[in-house]
Structures are given as C-alpha cells and as structure tokens.
Amino acid sequence: MPRDAAEVLKDALELPPEARAALIGPLVESLDTEVDEDAEEAWREEIRRRLEEIDSGAAKLVPWDEARRRLLARR
C-alpha cells in the first residue's frame, strides 16, 4: 500500500540535514514538466544586473544575521 505524503514528509524530516538537502533538487526537478528555453539566459542577465547593483553600491547588502532576525520577527 502506498504511503501518503504526510508519512513520507515525516520520515524525510527525520533525516540528517545533508540527506534532506540531497532530496530537494530531484523533487523540484520532478515538477518541471515544461522547459523554458530562455530561462537560463534570463537568469544569467538577472545575476549580472544584481552584481552590477552591488558593485555600484545601488544595492544595500544586509548581513545574514540581520536578515534572519528580520525574517523571524515577521512570524
């Protein structure tokens, strides 16, 4: 009898972090049924744009500890 998603998730959450991380990619990839041929180039352009904003000082960087604190405060 197949297990339901809640059971599989419960078991997966008991795995060590490295094993859980290894599951993420294949699960997400299994959902991609349509391939956008322009997606790779669009992401490269977005990365270039963001790097230019960082290099020029237009983007304000926030240390991870501060960003995490802000995110947790939203809960």
Protein backbone atom coordinates (compact mmCIF):
# COMPACT_ATOMS: atom_id res chain seq x y z
CA MET A 1 0.00 0.00 0.00
CA PRO A 2 1.48 3.38 -0.97
CA ARG A 3 2.31 5.79 1.84
CA ASP A 4 0.73 9.22 1.84
CA ALA A 5 2.72 12.43 1.50
CA ALA A 6 2.43 13.27 5.20
CA GLU A 7 4.12 9.98 6.15
CA VAL A 8 6.89 10.46 3.62
CA LEU A 9 7.45 14.04 4.83
CA LYS A 10 7.56 12.92 8.45
CA ASP A 11 10.23 10.34 7.62
CA ALA A 12 12.19 12.79 5.46
CA LEU A 13 12.27 15.37 8.26
CA GLU A 14 13.94 12.81 10.50
CA LEU A 15 16.89 12.53 8.09
CA PRO A 16 20.11 14.45 8.75
CA PRO A 17 20.33 17.87 7.05
CA GLU A 18 22.67 16.62 4.31
CA ALA A 19 20.24 13.86 3.31
CA ARG A 20 17.28 16.28 3.32
CA ALA A 21 19.24 18.69 1.13
CA ALA A 22 20.02 15.88 -1.31
CA LEU A 23 16.28 15.25 -1.76
CA ILE A 24 15.37 18.83 -2.65
CA GLY A 25 16.85 19.02 -6.14
CA PRO A 26 15.36 15.84 -7.57
CA LEU A 27 11.95 16.62 -6.05
CA VAL A 28 11.84 20.10 -7.58
CA GLU A 29 13.16 18.84 -10.91
CA SER A 30 10.41 16.22 -10.99
CA LEU A 31 7.86 19.06 -11.06
CA ASP A 32 9.42 20.76 -14.09
CA THR A 33 7.42 19.37 -16.99
CA GLU A 34 7.85 22.36 -19.30
CA VAL A 35 11.26 23.75 -20.15
CA ASP A 36 11.58 27.46 -20.84
CA GLU A 37 14.39 27.67 -23.37
CA ASP A 38 15.08 31.31 -22.42
CA ALA A 39 15.22 30.75 -18.67
CA GLU A 40 18.98 30.16 -18.42
CA GLU A 41 19.83 33.34 -20.29
CA ALA A 42 17.23 35.31 -18.32
CA TRP A 43 18.79 34.14 -15.04
CA ARG A 44 22.29 35.00 -16.26
CA GLU A 45 21.10 38.50 -17.13
CA GLU A 46 19.38 38.88 -13.75
CA ILE A 47 22.55 37.79 -11.95
CA ARG A 48 24.61 40.27 -13.98
CA ARG A 49 22.15 43.05 -13.16
CA ARG A 50 22.22 42.28 -9.44
CA LEU A 51 26.00 42.10 -9.37
CA GLU A 52 26.19 45.49 -11.07
CA GLU A 53 23.86 46.92 -8.40
CA ILE A 54 26.09 45.51 -5.67
CA ASP A 55 29.30 46.71 -7.32
CA SER A 56 27.92 50.21 -7.89
CA GLY A 57 26.60 50.48 -4.34
CA ALA A 58 22.99 50.82 -5.55
CA ALA A 59 22.01 47.71 -3.60
CA LYS A 60 22.30 47.73 0.16
CA LEU A 61 23.56 44.40 1.47
CA VAL A 62 22.29 43.04 4.77
CA PRO A 63 24.34 40.57 6.83
CA TRP A 64 22.72 37.15 7.19
CA ASP A 65 22.26 37.51 10.95
CA GLU A 66 20.27 40.72 10.43
CA ALA A 67 18.22 39.29 7.56
CA ARG A 68 17.43 36.18 9.61
CA ARG A 69 16.41 38.31 12.60
CA ARG A 70 14.04 40.34 10.38
CA LEU A 71 12.52 37.24 8.82
CA LEU A 72 11.93 35.58 12.18
CA ALA A 73 10.37 38.78 13.52
CA ARG A 74 7.67 38.53 10.82
CA ARG A 75 6.28 35.29 12.23
